[in-house]
C-alpha cells in the first residue's frame, strides 16, 4: 500500500473520540472545530459522556468523512486545541 492509499472507503460514517477536562464550553468548542471541516455535522452526531469522577468529558463525534485529507484536517484541528487531552 502506498502512502496515498487508505483502508477506509469514502464516504463513510467515522467516529472520533475526543477527551478533555470537564468544561462548560468543551462540547460547543469541539462542535465548532469539527464543523469547519465537516459542514453537515449536527448536534445529533455528538455523544457526550462524563467520567465517573466528573472531572473529564468524552465526546464521540461521528462525521461523514469524504476523504483521508478531511479526517487528517479534523485530527490536526482538534489535537491542537488546548482543552483536548486525547483523540482516538
PDB file of N, CA and C in Angstrom:
ATOM      1  N   UNK A   1       0.852  -1.174   0.000  1.00  0.00           N
ATOM      2  CA  UNK A   1       0.000   0.000   0.000  1.00  0.00           C
ATOM      3  C   UNK A   1       0.898   1.238   0.000  1.00  0.00           C
ATOM      4  N   UNK A   2       0.641   2.167  -0.879  1.00  0.00           N
ATOM      5  CA  UNK A   2       1.435   3.396  -0.948  1.00  0.00           C
ATOM      6  C   UNK A   2       0.966   4.379   0.123  1.00  0.00           C
ATOM      7  N   UNK A   3       1.725   5.472   0.286  1.00  0.00           N
ATOM      8  CA  UNK A   3       1.373   6.487   1.283  1.00  0.00           C
ATOM      9  C   UNK A   3       0.033   7.151   0.994  1.00  0.00           C
ATOM     10  N   UNK A   4      -0.394   7.169  -0.257  1.00  0.00           N
ATOM     11  CA  UNK A   4      -1.633   7.839  -0.644  1.00  0.00           C
ATOM     12  C   UNK A   4      -2.866   6.959  -0.463  1.00  0.00           C
ATOM     13  N   UNK A   5      -2.677   5.650  -0.288  1.00  0.00           N
ATOM     14  CA  UNK A   5      -3.813   4.745  -0.150  1.00  0.00           C
ATOM     15  C   UNK A   5      -4.311   4.736   1.291  1.00  0.00           C
ATOM     16  N   UNK A   6      -5.567   4.369   1.448  1.00  0.00           N
ATOM     17  CA  UNK A   6      -6.168   4.275   2.772  1.00  0.00           C
ATOM     18  C   UNK A   6      -7.041   3.027   2.826  1.00  0.00           C
ATOM     19  N   UNK A   7      -7.238   2.494   4.026  1.00  0.00           N
ATOM     20  CA  UNK A   7      -8.084   1.304   4.163  1.00  0.00           C
ATOM     21  C   UNK A   7      -9.549   1.677   4.374  1.00  0.00           C
ATOM     22  N   UNK A   8      -9.824   2.957   4.488  1.00  0.00           N
ATOM     23  CA  UNK A   8     -11.191   3.440   4.689  1.00  0.00           C
ATOM     24  C   UNK A   8     -11.814   3.750   3.335  1.00  0.00           C
ATOM     25  N   UNK A   9     -13.041   3.284   3.142  1.00  0.00           N
ATOM     26  CA  UNK A   9     -13.779   3.631   1.924  1.00  0.00           C
ATOM     27  C   UNK A   9     -14.563   4.911   2.188  1.00  0.00           C
ATOM     28  N   UNK A  10     -14.488   5.825   1.255  1.00  0.00           N
ATOM     29  CA  UNK A  10     -15.179   7.107   1.396  1.00  0.00           C
ATOM     30  C   UNK A  10     -16.290   7.215   0.376  1.00  0.00           C
ATOM     31  N   UNK A  11     -17.397   7.883   0.712  1.00  0.00           N
ATOM     32  CA  UNK A  11     -17.707   8.472   2.012  1.00  0.00           C
ATOM     33  C   UNK A  11     -18.018   7.386   3.042  1.00  0.00           C
ATOM     34  N   UNK A  12     -17.815   7.727   4.304  1.00  0.00           N
ATOM     35  CA  UNK A  12     -18.009   6.773   5.386  1.00  0.00           C
ATOM     36  C   UNK A  12     -18.352   7.515   6.671  1.00  0.00           C
ATOM     37  N   UNK A  13     -19.238   6.923   7.482  1.00  0.00           N
ATOM     38  CA  UNK A  13     -19.506   7.471   8.816  1.00  0.00           C
ATOM     39  C   UNK A  13     -18.329   7.052   9.686  1.00  0.00           C
ATOM     40  N   UNK A  14     -17.655   8.014  10.293  1.00  0.00           N
ATOM     41  CA  UNK A  14     -16.415   7.749  11.009  1.00  0.00           C
ATOM     42  C   UNK A  14     -16.467   8.381  12.399  1.00  0.00           C
ATOM     43  N   UNK A  15     -16.383   7.556  13.461  1.00  0.00           N
ATOM     44  CA  UNK A  15     -16.425   8.101  14.822  1.00  0.00           C
ATOM     45  C   UNK A  15     -15.037   8.561  15.279  1.00  0.00           C
ATOM     46  N   UNK A  16     -14.995   9.707  15.925  1.00  0.00           N
ATOM     47  CA  UNK A  16     -13.765  10.238  16.500  1.00  0.00           C
ATOM     48  C   UNK A  16     -14.038  10.493  17.975  1.00  0.00           C
ATOM     49  N   UNK A  17     -13.228   9.896  18.850  1.00  0.00           N
ATOM     50  CA  UNK A  17     -13.408  10.086  20.291  1.00  0.00           C
ATOM     51  C   UNK A  17     -12.441  11.175  20.752  1.00  0.00           C
ATOM     52  N   UNK A  18     -12.995  12.173  21.438  1.00  0.00           N
ATOM     53  CA  UNK A  18     -12.229  13.336  21.876  1.00  0.00           C
ATOM     54  C   UNK A  18     -12.442  13.506  23.375  1.00  0.00           C
ATOM     55  N   UNK A  19     -11.340  13.575  24.139  1.00  0.00           N
ATOM     56  CA  UNK A  19     -11.435  13.658  25.592  1.00  0.00           C
ATOM     57  C   UNK A  19     -10.697  14.875  26.130  1.00  0.00           C
ATOM     58  N   UNK A  20     -11.257  15.443  27.178  1.00  0.00           N
ATOM     59  CA  UNK A  20     -10.629  16.591  27.818  1.00  0.00           C
ATOM     60  C   UNK A  20     -11.251  16.836  29.178  1.00  0.00           C
ATOM     61  N   UNK A  21     -10.723  17.807  29.914  1.00  0.00           N
ATOM     62  CA  UNK A  21     -11.283  18.117  31.226  1.00  0.00           C
ATOM     63  C   UNK A  21     -12.697  18.677  31.095  1.00  0.00           C
ATOM     64  N   UNK A  22     -13.490  18.430  32.102  1.00  0.00           N
ATOM     65  CA  UNK A  22     -14.867  18.932  32.080  1.00  0.00           C
ATOM     66  C   UNK A  22     -14.837  20.458  32.095  1.00  0.00           C
ATOM     67  N   UNK A  23     -15.488  21.033  31.119  1.00  0.00           N
ATOM     68  CA  UNK A  23     -15.521  22.491  30.950  1.00  0.00           C
ATOM     69  C   UNK A  23     -16.846  22.836  30.287  1.00  0.00           C
ATOM     70  N   UNK A  24     -17.461  23.916  30.719  1.00  0.00           N
ATOM     71  CA  UNK A  24     -18.778  24.297  30.193  1.00  0.00           C
ATOM     72  C   UNK A  24     -18.799  24.453  28.677  1.00  0.00           C
ATOM     73  N   UNK A  25     -17.705  24.910  28.087  1.00  0.00           N
ATOM     74  CA  UNK A  25     -17.668  25.177  26.649  1.00  0.00           C
ATOM     75  C   UNK A  25     -17.060  24.046  25.826  1.00  0.00           C
ATOM     76  N   UNK A  26     -16.674  22.942  26.450  1.00  0.00           N
ATOM     77  CA  UNK A  26     -15.953  21.883  25.734  1.00  0.00           C
ATOM     78  C   UNK A  26     -16.737  21.353  24.536  1.00  0.00           C
ATOM     79  N   UNK A  27     -17.965  20.945  24.746  1.00  0.00           N
ATOM     80  CA  UNK A  27     -18.767  20.361  23.661  1.00  0.00           C
ATOM     81  C   UNK A  27     -18.975  21.340  22.515  1.00  0.00           C
ATOM     82  N   UNK A  28     -19.335  22.561  22.823  1.00  0.00           N
ATOM     83  CA  UNK A  28     -19.574  23.566  21.785  1.00  0.00           C
ATOM     84  C   UNK A  28     -18.289  23.895  21.030  1.00  0.00           C
ATOM     85  N   UNK A  29     -17.188  23.990  21.750  1.00  0.00           N
ATOM     86  CA  UNK A  29     -15.900  24.286  21.117  1.00  0.00           C
ATOM     87  C   UNK A  29     -15.509  23.188  20.142  1.00  0.00           C
ATOM     88  N   UNK A  30     -15.652  21.937  20.560  1.00  0.00           N
ATOM     89  CA  UNK A  30     -15.308  20.810  19.690  1.00  0.00           C
ATOM     90  C   UNK A  30     -16.248  20.771  18.491  1.00  0.00           C
ATOM     91  N   UNK A  31     -17.531  20.981  18.723  1.00  0.00           N
ATOM     92  CA  UNK A  31     -18.500  21.017  17.624  1.00  0.00           C
ATOM     93  C   UNK A  31     -18.068  22.039  16.569  1.00  0.00           C
ATOM     94  N   UNK A  32     -17.720  23.241  17.012  1.00  0.00           N
ATOM     95  CA  UNK A  32     -17.327  24.300  16.079  1.00  0.00           C
ATOM     96  C   UNK A  32     -16.029  23.964  15.350  1.00  0.00           C
ATOM     97  N   UNK A  33     -15.068  23.362  16.052  1.00  0.00           N
ATOM     98  CA  UNK A  33     -13.802  22.971  15.417  1.00  0.00           C
ATOM     99  C   UNK A  33     -14.021  21.943  14.312  1.00  0.00           C
ATOM    100  N   UNK A  34     -14.814  20.926  14.622  1.00  0.00           N
ATOM    101  CA  UNK A  34     -15.045  19.846  13.655  1.00  0.00           C
ATOM    102  C   UNK A  34     -15.909  20.341  12.504  1.00  0.00           C
ATOM    103  N   UNK A  35     -16.876  21.171  12.802  1.00  0.00           N
ATOM    104  CA  UNK A  35     -17.805  21.638  11.759  1.00  0.00           C
ATOM    105  C   UNK A  35     -17.111  22.451  10.662  1.00  0.00           C
ATOM    106  N   UNK A  36     -15.990  23.052  10.967  1.00  0.00           N
ATOM    107  CA  UNK A  36     -15.206  23.757   9.946  1.00  0.00           C
ATOM    108  C   UNK A  36     -14.833  22.794   8.816  1.00  0.00           C
ATOM    109  N   UNK A  37     -14.585  21.533   9.173  1.00  0.00           N
ATOM    110  CA  UNK A  37     -14.129  20.529   8.207  1.00  0.00           C
ATOM    111  C   UNK A  37     -15.228  19.553   7.789  1.00  0.00           C
ATOM    112  N   UNK A  38     -16.346  19.566   8.506  1.00  0.00           N
ATOM    113  CA  UNK A  38     -17.474  18.677   8.200  1.00  0.00           C
ATOM    114  C   UNK A  38     -18.753  19.502   8.339  1.00  0.00           C
ATOM    115  N   UNK A  39     -19.082  20.230   7.292  1.00  0.00           N
ATOM    116  CA  UNK A  39     -20.179  21.204   7.333  1.00  0.00           C
ATOM    117  C   UNK A  39     -21.539  20.596   7.658  1.00  0.00           C
ATOM    118  N   UNK A  40     -21.712  19.296   7.395  1.00  0.00           N
ATOM    119  CA  UNK A  40     -23.005  18.652   7.653  1.00  0.00           C
ATOM    120  C   UNK A  40     -23.139  18.131   9.084  1.00  0.00           C
ATOM    121  N   UNK A  41     -22.164  18.392   9.941  1.00  0.00           N
ATOM    122  CA  UNK A  41     -22.201  17.932  11.326  1.00  0.00           C
ATOM    123  C   UNK A  41     -23.365  18.581  12.069  1.00  0.00           C
ATOM    124  N   UNK A  42     -24.108  17.770  12.843  1.00  0.00           N
ATOM    125  CA  UNK A  42     -25.207  18.278  13.662  1.00  0.00           C
ATOM    126  C   UNK A  42     -24.998  17.849  15.107  1.00  0.00           C
ATOM    127  N   UNK A  43     -25.763  18.416  16.010  1.00  0.00           N
ATOM    128  CA  UNK A  43     -25.674  18.055  17.426  1.00  0.00           C
ATOM    129  C   UNK A  43     -25.966  16.574  17.641  1.00  0.00           C
ATOM    130  N   UNK A  44     -26.798  15.989  16.790  1.00  0.00           N
ATOM    131  CA  UNK A  44     -27.130  14.564  16.913  1.00  0.00           C
ATOM    132  C   UNK A  44     -25.937  13.663  16.592  1.00  0.00           C
ATOM    133  N   UNK A  45     -24.902  14.211  15.979  1.00  0.00           N
ATOM    134  CA  UNK A  45     -23.709  13.443  15.629  1.00  0.00           C
ATOM    135  C   UNK A  45     -22.709  13.375  16.778  1.00  0.00           C
ATOM    136  N   UNK A  46     -23.061  13.953  17.917  1.00  0.00           N
ATOM    137  CA  UNK A  46     -22.144  14.000  19.055  1.00  0.00           C
ATOM    138  C   UNK A  46     -22.762  13.293  20.252  1.00  0.00           C
ATOM    139  N   UNK A  47     -21.999  12.355  20.800  1.00  0.00           N
ATOM    140  CA  UNK A  47     -22.412  11.642  22.016  1.00  0.00           C
ATOM    141  C   UNK A  47     -21.475  12.063  23.141  1.00  0.00           C
ATOM    142  N   UNK A  48     -22.034  12.496  24.252  1.00  0.00           N
ATOM    143  CA  UNK A  48     -21.254  13.003  25.377  1.00  0.00           C
ATOM    144  C   UNK A  48     -21.326  12.050  26.554  1.00  0.00           C
ATOM    145  N   UNK A  49     -20.181  11.832  27.185  1.00  0.00           N
ATOM    146  CA  UNK A  49     -20.135  11.059  28.428  1.00  0.00           C
ATOM    147  C   UNK A  49     -19.233  11.785  29.406  1.00  0.00           C
ATOM    148  N   UNK A  50     -19.641  11.801  30.656  1.00  0.00           N
ATOM    149  CA  UNK A  50     -18.846  12.407  31.717  1.00  0.00           C
ATOM    150  C   UNK A  50     -18.202  11.275  32.501  1.00  0.00           C
ATOM    151  N   UNK A  51     -16.946  11.452  32.897  1.00  0.00           N
ATOM    152  CA  UNK A  51     -16.236  10.416  33.645  1.00  0.00           C
ATOM    153  C   UNK A  51     -16.922  10.159  34.983  1.00  0.00           C
ATOM    154  N   UNK A  52     -16.638   9.008  35.567  1.00  0.00           N
ATOM    155  CA  UNK A  52     -17.279   8.638  36.832  1.00  0.00           C
ATOM    156  C   UNK A  52     -16.960   9.640  37.937  1.00  0.00           C
ATOM    157  N   UNK A  53     -15.786  10.230  37.912  1.00  0.00           N
ATOM    158  CA  UNK A  53     -15.427  11.237  38.903  1.00  0.00           C
ATOM    159  C   UNK A  53     -15.923  12.629  38.566  1.00  0.00           C
ATOM    160  N   UNK A  54     -16.449  12.784  37.349  1.00  0.00           N
ATOM    161  CA  UNK A  54     -16.993  14.062  36.925  1.00  0.00           C
ATOM    162  C   UNK A  54     -15.967  15.090  36.482  1.00  0.00           C
ATOM    163  N   UNK A  55     -14.707  14.674  36.356  1.00  0.00           N
ATOM    164  CA  UNK A  55     -13.655  15.627  36.004  1.00  0.00           C
ATOM    165  C   UNK A  55     -13.371  15.723  34.511  1.00  0.00           C
ATOM    166  N   UNK A  56     -13.793  14.725  33.746  1.00  0.00           N
ATOM    167  CA  UNK A  56     -13.471  14.670  32.319  1.00  0.00           C
ATOM    168  C   UNK A  56     -14.715  14.442  31.471  1.00  0.00           C
ATOM    169  N   UNK A  57     -14.623  14.871  30.220  1.00  0.00           N
ATOM    170  CA  UNK A  57     -15.688  14.663  29.242  1.00  0.00           C
ATOM    171  C   UNK A  57     -15.111  13.873  28.082  1.00  0.00           C
ATOM    172  N   UNK A  58     -15.902  12.942  27.589  1.00  0.00           N
ATOM    173  CA  UNK A  58     -15.556  12.191  26.389  1.00  0.00           C
ATOM    174  C   UNK A  58     -16.651  12.444  25.366  1.00  0.00           C
ATOM    175  N   UNK A  59     -16.253  12.898  24.193  1.00  0.00           N
ATOM    176  CA  UNK A  59     -17.199  13.107  23.101  1.00  0.00           C
ATOM    177  C   UNK A  59     -16.894  12.112  22.000  1.00  0.00           C
ATOM    178  N   UNK A  60     -17.922  11.473  21.477  1.00  0.00           N
ATOM    179  CA  UNK A  60     -17.768  10.693  20.259  1.00  0.00           C
ATOM    180  C   UNK A  60     -18.464  11.493  19.174  1.00  0.00           C
ATOM    181  N   UNK A  61     -17.662  12.007  18.256  1.00  0.00           N
ATOM    182  CA  UNK A  61     -18.162  12.826  17.153  1.00  0.00           C
ATOM    183  C   UNK A  61     -18.125  11.958  15.902  1.00  0.00           C
ATOM    184  N   UNK A  62     -19.288  11.674  15.335  1.00  0.00           N
ATOM    185  CA  UNK A  62     -19.358  10.835  14.141  1.00  0.00           C
ATOM    186  C   UNK A  62     -19.580  11.727  12.931  1.00  0.00           C
ATOM    187  N   UNK A  63     -18.568  11.756  12.061  1.00  0.00           N
ATOM    188  CA  UNK A  63     -18.627  12.596  10.865  1.00  0.00           C
ATOM    189  C   UNK A  63     -18.859  11.733   9.637  1.00  0.00           C
ATOM    190  N   UNK A  64     -19.423  12.327   8.606  1.00  0.00           N
ATOM    191  CA  UNK A  64     -19.482  11.675   7.303  1.00  0.00           C
ATOM    192  C   UNK A  64     -18.209  12.095   6.580  1.00  0.00           C
ATOM    193  N   UNK A  65     -17.209  11.227   6.647  1.00  0.00           N
ATOM    194  CA  UNK A  65     -15.899  11.531   6.069  1.00  0.00           C
ATOM    195  C   UNK A  65     -15.931  11.313   4.565  1.00  0.00           C
ATOM    196  N   UNK A  66     -15.387  12.284   3.847  1.00  0.00           N
ATOM    197  CA  UNK A  66     -15.356  12.172   2.388  1.00  0.00           C
ATOM    198  C   UNK A  66     -13.951  11.914   1.852  1.00  0.00           C
ATOM    199  N   UNK A  67     -12.930  12.074   2.713  1.00  0.00           N
ATOM    200  CA  UNK A  67     -11.560  11.812   2.272  1.00  0.00           C
ATOM    201  C   UNK A  67     -10.633  11.672   3.474  1.00  0.00           C
ATOM    202  N   UNK A  68      -9.478  11.078   3.229  1.00  0.00           N
ATOM    203  CA  UNK A  68      -8.461  10.975   4.270  1.00  0.00           C
ATOM    204  C   UNK A  68      -7.957  12.371   4.643  1.00  0.00           C
ATOM    205  N   UNK A  69      -7.845  13.243   3.657  1.00  0.00           N
ATOM    206  CA  UNK A  69      -7.392  14.613   3.915  1.00  0.00           C
ATOM    207  C   UNK A  69      -8.339  15.337   4.875  1.00  0.00           C
ATOM    208  N   UNK A  70      -9.636  15.102   4.730  1.00  0.00           N
ATOM    209  CA  UNK A  70     -10.615  15.714   5.629  1.00  0.00           C
ATOM    210  C   UNK A  70     -10.414  15.197   7.053  1.00  0.00           C
ATOM    211  N   UNK A  71     -10.261  13.890   7.215  1.00  0.00           N
ATOM    212  CA  UNK A  71     -10.037  13.320   8.547  1.00  0.00           C
ATOM    213  C   UNK A  71      -8.749  13.857   9.159  1.00  0.00           C
ATOM    214  N   UNK A  72      -7.701  13.942   8.354  1.00  0.00           N
ATOM    215  CA  UNK A  72      -6.431  14.481   8.845  1.00  0.00           C
ATOM    216  C   UNK A  72      -6.596  15.918   9.327  1.00  0.00           C
ATOM    217  N   UNK A  73      -7.348  16.725   8.593  1.00  0.00           N
ATOM    218  CA  UNK A  73      -7.581  18.121   8.971  1.00  0.00           C
ATOM    219  C   UNK A  73      -8.358  18.214  10.286  1.00  0.00           C
ATOM    220  N   UNK A  74      -9.341  17.344  10.456  1.00  0.00           N
ATOM    221  CA  UNK A  74     -10.112  17.321  11.707  1.00  0.00           C
ATOM    222  C   UNK A  74      -9.201  16.958  12.871  1.00  0.00           C
ATOM    223  N   UNK A  75      -8.399  15.897  12.708  1.00  0.00           N
ATOM    224  CA  UNK A  75      -7.487  15.478  13.777  1.00  0.00           C
ATOM    225  C   UNK A  75      -6.495  16.584  14.123  1.00  0.00           C
ATOM    226  N   UNK A  76      -5.941  17.263  13.120  1.00  0.00           N
ATOM    227  CA  UNK A  76      -4.991  18.351  13.382  1.00  0.00           C
ATOM    228  C   UNK A  76      -5.661  19.487  14.156  1.00  0.00           C
ATOM    229  N   UNK A  77      -6.857  19.872  13.750  1.00  0.00           N
ATOM    230  CA  UNK A  77      -7.566  20.972  14.409  1.00  0.00           C
ATOM    231  C   UNK A  77      -7.903  20.632  15.856  1.00  0.00           C
ATOM    232  N   UNK A  78      -8.393  19.433  16.069  1.00  0.00           N
ATOM    233  CA  UNK A  78      -8.826  19.037  17.415  1.00  0.00           C
ATOM    234  C   UNK A  78      -7.629  18.842  18.343  1.00  0.00           C
ATOM    235  N   UNK A  79      -6.601  18.150  17.881  1.00  0.00           N
ATOM    236  CA  UNK A  79      -5.443  17.899  18.751  1.00  0.00           C
ATOM    237  C   UNK A  79      -4.680  19.179  19.086  1.00  0.00           C
ATOM    238  N   UNK A  80      -4.807  20.205  18.274  1.00  0.00           N
ATOM    239  CA  UNK A  80      -4.117  21.471  18.532  1.00  0.00           C
ATOM    240  C   UNK A  80      -4.813  22.317  19.597  1.00  0.00           C
ATOM    241  N   UNK A  81      -6.060  21.985  19.923  1.00  0.00           N
ATOM    242  CA  UNK A  81      -6.801  22.805  20.889  1.00  0.00           C
ATOM    243  C   UNK A  81      -6.329  22.502  22.312  1.00  0.00           C
ATOM    244  N   UNK A  82      -6.101  23.531  23.131  1.00  0.00           N
ATOM    245  CA  UNK A  82      -5.569  23.311  24.480  1.00  0.00           C
ATOM    246  C   UNK A  82      -6.495  22.556  25.435  1.00  0.00           C
ATOM    247  N   UNK A  83      -7.800  22.533  25.192  1.00  0.00           N
ATOM    248  CA  UNK A  83      -8.709  21.790  26.073  1.00  0.00           C
ATOM    249  C   UNK A  83      -8.683  20.292  25.798  1.00  0.00           C
ATOM    250  N   UNK A  84      -8.169  19.879  24.663  1.00  0.00           N
ATOM    251  CA  UNK A  84      -8.205  18.472  24.265  1.00  0.00           C
ATOM    252  C   UNK A  84      -6.978  17.745  24.812  1.00  0.00           C
ATOM    253  N   UNK A  85      -7.228  16.620  25.488  1.00  0.00           N
ATOM    254  CA  UNK A  85      -6.139  15.813  26.039  1.00  0.00           C
ATOM    255  C   UNK A  85      -5.840  14.596  25.177  1.00  0.00           C
ATOM    256  N   UNK A  86      -6.875  13.937  24.639  1.00  0.00           N
ATOM    257  CA  UNK A  86      -6.694  12.730  23.831  1.00  0.00           C
ATOM    258  C   UNK A  86      -7.682  12.726  22.675  1.00  0.00           C
ATOM    259  N   UNK A  87      -7.230  12.157  21.559  1.00  0.00           N
ATOM    260  CA  UNK A  87      -8.107  11.957  20.405  1.00  0.00           C
ATOM    261  C   UNK A  87      -7.849  10.552  19.886  1.00  0.00           C
ATOM    262  N   UNK A  88      -8.909   9.784  19.729  1.00  0.00           N
ATOM    263  CA  UNK A  88      -8.798   8.416  19.202  1.00  0.00           C
ATOM    264  C   UNK A  88      -9.638   8.291  17.953  1.00  0.00           C
TER     265      UNK A  88
END
